[in-house]
C-alpha cells in the first residue's frame, strides 16, 4: 500500500510540469515539419540524426526529471500572476519558457555551437514552443499554473492544469497526430502571416490573454463536461496550429537564408 501511494505521489509530481499531453506536442512538431523548407529540413534532419521532430517532441518532459537536465525544469512555463503586466512579471532566476526559447534560438543561429549543443538546443526548442502555447503554462505562480485549482472532469477529481494538458483535447478529438495536422493545417498564406506576426514575447502575451479567460471560465470546483469540451476544443486546436507554424518559422529563419531574406522584407 505504501509503495502504491508513493508511486502515485511521484507520478503526480512528474505530471505537474508537463505541457501539452504527448499528443499535443506530437501535433505541434508534425505541423512544423510540414512547413519546413527543403533547406531547413535538411539541416534539422542532420542535427537530429535523421529522426523526426515528432520523435523528440516529448523528450524534454522526461529529461527535465533526470539529473543532467534538471536545470530545465522551469523552462516549460512562465508565470504571470493576475493583474501583473507581462513586462513587470518577476523573472525566474532559473529561466522560463520565453528565455529558454530565446536562448535556444541564439545557440542555433550562432553557427558556432557544437553538434551536441545544437542537438540539445533543437530538442528543447521543439518542446518548449509547444509549452508556450498551452495557456496554463502561462498561468499564475500562486496556484502553480492551475495545478492547485481543483476541478472535476466528468465527475472525476482533477485539477485545471491537467485538464488543459490533455483531457479536453483528447475528449474533443480521438485523432492521431497526423489526423490533427490534416484537419487543422488549412490556413492560406495571409492567415499564416498573421499567425507569424511578432515574436516570442508577443506570442507569450497572446497565450496569457487566453489563460486569463480560462481562469475566469473555470472556477474552483467546476465540473467540466460536454459543454466545456465543445467550447474550448477550438481554442486548443488553434493553439496547437499556431505553435507548429511558429516553430517552423523560427527554424526556417535560422537555417534558410532565402526564407529569411523574404520574410525580413515583408516585415
Protein backbone atom coordinates (compact mmCIF):
# COMPACT_ATOMS: atom_id res chain seq x y z
CA UNK A 1 0.00 0.00 0.00
CA UNK A 2 2.84 2.40 0.92
CA UNK A 3 4.55 1.69 -2.40
CA UNK A 4 1.33 2.37 -4.30
CA UNK A 5 0.77 5.70 -2.54
CA UNK A 6 4.40 6.73 -3.06
CA UNK A 7 4.21 5.84 -6.75
CA UNK A 8 1.02 7.87 -7.15
CA UNK A 9 2.58 10.91 -5.48
CA UNK A 10 5.71 10.66 -7.65
CA UNK A 11 3.61 10.33 -10.80
CA UNK A 12 1.52 13.37 -9.86
CA UNK A 13 4.70 15.39 -9.30
CA UNK A 14 6.06 14.43 -12.69
CA UNK A 15 2.82 15.22 -14.44
CA UNK A 16 2.60 18.65 -12.81
CA UNK A 17 5.14 20.26 -15.14
CA UNK A 18 4.08 18.64 -18.39
CA UNK A 19 2.94 20.99 -21.13
CA UNK A 20 0.52 19.68 -23.66
CA UNK A 21 -0.02 15.97 -23.30
CA UNK A 22 2.11 13.79 -25.56
CA UNK A 23 -0.39 14.08 -28.39
CA UNK A 24 -0.31 17.87 -28.29
CA UNK A 25 3.46 18.04 -28.56
CA UNK A 26 3.42 15.48 -31.37
CA UNK A 27 0.85 17.57 -33.25
CA UNK A 28 2.86 20.77 -32.84
CA UNK A 29 6.05 19.10 -34.09
CA UNK A 30 4.32 17.42 -37.03
CA UNK A 31 2.66 20.63 -38.18
CA UNK A 32 6.06 22.31 -38.02
CA UNK A 33 7.62 19.55 -40.13
CA UNK A 34 5.09 20.17 -42.88
CA UNK A 35 6.17 23.82 -43.12
CA UNK A 36 9.95 23.43 -43.17
CA UNK A 37 11.63 24.50 -46.40
CA UNK A 38 13.82 21.83 -48.07
CA UNK A 39 16.94 23.65 -46.88
CA UNK A 40 15.70 23.79 -43.29
CA UNK A 41 14.51 20.20 -43.36
CA UNK A 42 17.97 19.01 -44.41
CA UNK A 43 19.57 20.98 -41.57
CA UNK A 44 17.08 19.73 -38.98
CA UNK A 45 17.41 16.11 -40.15
CA UNK A 46 21.19 16.38 -39.87
CA UNK A 47 21.08 17.75 -36.33
CA UNK A 48 18.50 15.19 -35.19
CA UNK A 49 20.42 12.27 -36.72
CA UNK A 50 17.63 11.58 -39.19
CA UNK A 51 14.96 11.20 -36.52
CA UNK A 52 11.85 13.32 -36.93
CA UNK A 53 10.88 16.31 -34.83
CA UNK A 54 7.91 14.26 -33.62
CA UNK A 55 10.31 11.63 -32.27
CA UNK A 56 11.83 14.24 -29.95
CA UNK A 57 8.69 16.29 -29.26
CA UNK A 58 8.14 14.93 -25.74
CA UNK A 59 11.76 14.20 -24.81
CA UNK A 60 12.18 17.20 -22.52
CA UNK A 61 9.24 16.27 -20.29
CA UNK A 62 11.15 13.17 -19.22
CA UNK A 63 14.66 14.65 -19.44
CA UNK A 64 13.80 17.51 -17.09
CA UNK A 65 13.33 14.96 -14.32
CA UNK A 66 16.80 13.48 -14.76
CA UNK A 67 19.89 14.86 -13.04
CA UNK A 68 21.75 16.02 -16.19
CA UNK A 69 18.81 18.17 -17.36
CA UNK A 70 17.20 19.14 -14.05
CA UNK A 71 18.17 22.75 -14.78
CA UNK A 72 15.43 22.83 -17.45
CA UNK A 73 12.53 22.13 -15.06
CA UNK A 74 11.37 25.75 -15.03
CA UNK A 75 11.77 26.15 -18.80
CA UNK A 76 8.36 24.61 -19.53
CA UNK A 77 6.37 27.63 -18.34
CA UNK A 78 6.34 31.32 -17.49
CA UNK A 79 4.27 32.51 -14.54
CA UNK A 80 2.41 35.82 -14.77
CA UNK A 81 0.08 36.41 -11.84
CA UNK A 82 -3.33 38.06 -12.12
CA UNK A 83 -3.13 41.82 -12.55
CA UNK A 84 0.61 41.79 -13.29
CA UNK A 85 1.80 43.23 -16.60
CA UNK A 86 3.86 40.82 -18.69
CA UNK A 87 6.84 43.18 -18.69
CA UNK A 88 6.72 43.50 -14.90
CA UNK A 89 6.34 39.82 -14.01
CA UNK A 90 9.20 38.69 -11.73
CA UNK A 91 11.86 36.79 -13.65
CA UNK A 92 12.52 33.22 -12.61
CA UNK A 93 16.25 33.05 -11.84
CA UNK A 94 16.32 29.52 -13.24
CA UNK A 95 14.78 30.65 -16.54
CA UNK A 96 11.35 30.17 -18.10
CA UNK A 97 9.76 29.19 -21.41
CA UNK A 98 10.37 32.58 -23.01
CA UNK A 99 14.02 32.90 -22.00
CA UNK A 100 14.59 29.24 -22.93
CA UNK A 101 13.21 29.75 -26.45
CA UNK A 102 15.32 32.86 -26.98
CA UNK A 103 18.45 31.09 -25.71
CA UNK A 104 18.00 28.06 -27.97
CA UNK A 105 17.35 30.34 -30.93
CA UNK A 106 20.60 32.14 -30.19
CA UNK A 107 22.56 28.89 -29.93
CA UNK A 108 21.21 27.55 -33.21
CA UNK A 109 21.61 30.88 -35.00
CA UNK A 110 25.19 31.46 -33.91
CA UNK A 111 26.70 28.87 -36.24
CA UNK A 112 29.36 28.32 -33.57
CA UNK A 113 27.70 25.67 -31.38
CA UNK A 114 28.99 22.12 -31.30
CA UNK A 115 26.89 19.34 -32.77
CA UNK A 116 25.92 18.17 -29.28
CA UNK A 117 24.90 21.66 -28.16
CA UNK A 118 22.95 22.24 -31.37
CA UNK A 119 21.11 18.96 -30.99
CA UNK A 120 20.17 19.71 -27.40
CA UNK A 121 19.01 23.21 -28.33
CA UNK A 122 16.88 21.78 -31.13
CA UNK A 123 15.19 19.27 -28.84
CA UNK A 124 14.45 21.97 -26.27
CA UNK A 125 13.15 24.39 -28.90
CA UNK A 126 10.78 21.79 -30.36
CA UNK A 127 9.24 21.05 -26.98
CA UNK A 128 9.12 24.47 -25.37
CA UNK A 129 7.49 26.11 -28.38
CA UNK A 130 4.59 23.76 -27.69
CA UNK A 131 4.58 24.64 -24.00
CA UNK A 132 4.44 28.35 -24.81
CA UNK A 133 1.02 27.79 -26.40
CA UNK A 134 -0.55 25.83 -23.53
CA UNK A 135 -2.46 28.57 -21.67
CA UNK A 136 -1.89 27.18 -18.17
CA UNK A 137 1.86 27.20 -18.81
CA UNK A 138 1.49 30.95 -18.76
CA UNK A 139 -0.58 30.72 -15.59
CA UNK A 140 -0.31 32.12 -12.08
CA UNK A 141 2.60 31.28 -9.79
CA UNK A 142 0.18 31.45 -6.83
CA UNK A 143 -1.63 28.29 -7.95
CA UNK A 144 1.25 26.64 -9.87
CA UNK A 145 -0.32 27.27 -13.25
CA UNK A 146 -3.69 25.82 -12.27
CA UNK A 147 -2.27 22.74 -10.53
CA UNK A 148 -3.85 23.90 -7.27
CA UNK A 149 -7.21 24.77 -8.86
CA UNK A 150 -9.31 21.71 -8.08
CA UNK A 151 -12.00 20.88 -10.62
CA UNK A 152 -13.86 17.82 -11.85
CA UNK A 153 -13.72 16.36 -15.33
CA UNK A 154 -16.92 14.43 -16.00
CA UNK A 155 -17.21 13.96 -12.23
CA UNK A 156 -13.61 12.83 -11.70
CA UNK A 157 -11.42 14.83 -9.32
CA UNK A 158 -8.54 16.54 -11.09
CA UNK A 159 -7.01 19.99 -11.47
CA UNK A 160 -7.27 22.73 -14.08
CA UNK A 161 -3.73 22.30 -15.36
CA UNK A 162 -4.20 18.61 -16.04
CA UNK A 163 -7.48 19.26 -17.83
CA UNK A 164 -5.74 21.65 -20.19
CA UNK A 165 -2.71 19.44 -20.74
CA UNK A 166 -4.69 16.67 -22.35
CA UNK A 167 -8.21 15.95 -21.06
CA UNK A 168 -10.09 18.50 -23.19
CA UNK A 169 -8.04 17.82 -26.33
CA UNK A 170 -8.40 14.05 -26.08
CA UNK A 171 -12.14 14.37 -25.43
CA UNK A 172 -12.56 16.76 -28.33
CA UNK A 173 -10.94 14.51 -30.93
CA UNK A 174 -9.66 10.94 -30.91
CA UNK A 175 -7.31 11.67 -33.79
CA UNK A 176 -3.74 10.57 -34.38
CA UNK A 177 -1.22 13.40 -34.57
CA UNK A 178 -1.22 13.13 -38.38
CA UNK A 179 -5.01 13.48 -38.44
CA UNK A 180 -4.80 16.54 -36.21
CA UNK A 181 -2.43 18.12 -38.70
CA UNK A 182 -4.57 17.17 -41.69
CA UNK A 183 -7.68 18.68 -40.13
CA UNK A 184 -6.17 21.86 -38.66
CA UNK A 185 -3.39 22.85 -41.03
CA UNK A 186 -5.52 24.58 -43.67
CA UNK A 187 -4.71 28.28 -43.42
CA UNK A 188 -3.95 30.35 -46.51
CA UNK A 189 -0.78 32.44 -46.82
CA UNK A 190 -2.39 35.59 -45.44
CA UNK A 191 -3.72 33.77 -42.40
CA UNK A 192 -0.34 32.13 -41.77
CA UNK A 193 1.37 35.53 -41.98
CA UNK A 194 -1.00 36.82 -39.29
CA UNK A 195 -0.08 33.88 -37.04
CA UNK A 196 3.64 34.51 -37.53
CA UNK A 197 3.47 38.23 -36.79
CA UNK A 198 5.54 39.41 -33.84
CA UNK A 199 7.96 37.31 -31.85
CA UNK A 200 8.24 35.10 -28.79
CA UNK A 201 7.17 37.82 -26.34
CA UNK A 202 4.13 38.67 -28.46
CA UNK A 203 3.18 35.01 -28.72
CA UNK A 204 3.53 34.60 -24.96
CA UNK A 205 1.26 37.60 -24.34
CA UNK A 206 -1.37 36.10 -26.64
CA UNK A 207 -1.29 32.85 -24.67
CA UNK A 208 -1.52 34.77 -21.39
CA UNK A 209 -4.65 36.54 -22.67
CA UNK A 210 -6.24 33.15 -23.30
CA UNK A 211 -5.07 31.96 -19.88
CA UNK A 212 -6.86 34.90 -18.24
CA UNK A 213 -10.11 33.80 -19.90
CA UNK A 214 -9.54 30.20 -18.82
CA UNK A 215 -9.24 31.23 -15.17
CA UNK A 216 -12.47 33.22 -15.40
CA UNK A 217 -14.34 30.36 -17.08
CA UNK A 218 -13.16 27.56 -14.77
CA UNK A 219 -13.66 28.49 -11.10
CA UNK A 220 -12.57 26.18 -8.31
CA UNK A 221 -14.81 23.11 -8.08
CA UNK A 222 -16.30 23.41 -11.58
CA UNK A 223 -17.48 20.15 -13.13
CA UNK A 224 -16.21 20.15 -16.70
CA UNK A 225 -18.36 18.24 -19.12
CA UNK A 226 -19.60 18.22 -22.74
CA UNK A 227 -20.34 21.94 -23.00
CA UNK A 228 -16.88 22.93 -21.82
CA UNK A 229 -15.17 20.45 -24.14
CA UNK A 230 -17.16 21.75 -27.11
CA UNK A 231 -16.46 25.41 -26.22
CA UNK A 232 -12.71 25.12 -25.62
CA UNK A 233 -11.60 22.45 -28.12
CA UNK A 234 -11.41 25.00 -30.99
CA UNK A 235 -9.11 27.15 -28.84
CA UNK A 236 -6.80 24.20 -28.28
CA UNK A 237 -6.88 23.46 -32.00
CA UNK A 238 -5.74 26.99 -32.80
CA UNK A 239 -3.02 26.95 -30.15
CA UNK A 240 -1.55 23.71 -31.47
CA UNK A 241 -1.66 25.04 -35.02
CA UNK A 242 -0.03 28.33 -34.02
CA UNK A 243 2.68 26.51 -32.11
CA UNK A 244 3.51 24.33 -35.10
CA UNK A 245 3.54 27.17 -37.62
CA UNK A 246 5.68 29.34 -35.36
CA UNK A 247 8.13 26.53 -34.66
CA UNK A 248 8.60 26.05 -38.40
CA UNK A 249 9.00 29.79 -38.86
CA UNK A 250 11.74 30.05 -36.22
CA UNK A 251 13.66 27.14 -37.77
CA UNK A 252 13.27 28.45 -41.32
CA UNK A 253 14.55 31.84 -40.21
CA UNK A 254 17.62 30.18 -38.71
CA UNK A 255 18.57 27.79 -41.50
CA UNK A 256 17.20 29.11 -44.79
CA UNK A 257 18.80 32.38 -45.92
CA UNK A 258 16.37 32.89 -48.83
CA UNK A 259 13.41 32.39 -46.48
CA UNK A 260 14.93 34.81 -44.00
CA UNK A 261 15.52 37.48 -46.64
CA UNK A 262 11.96 37.16 -47.96
CA UNK A 263 10.44 37.44 -44.52
CA UNK A 264 12.66 40.31 -43.44
CA UNK A 265 11.47 42.27 -46.49
CA UNK A 266 7.84 41.54 -45.64
CA UNK A 267 8.33 42.66 -42.05
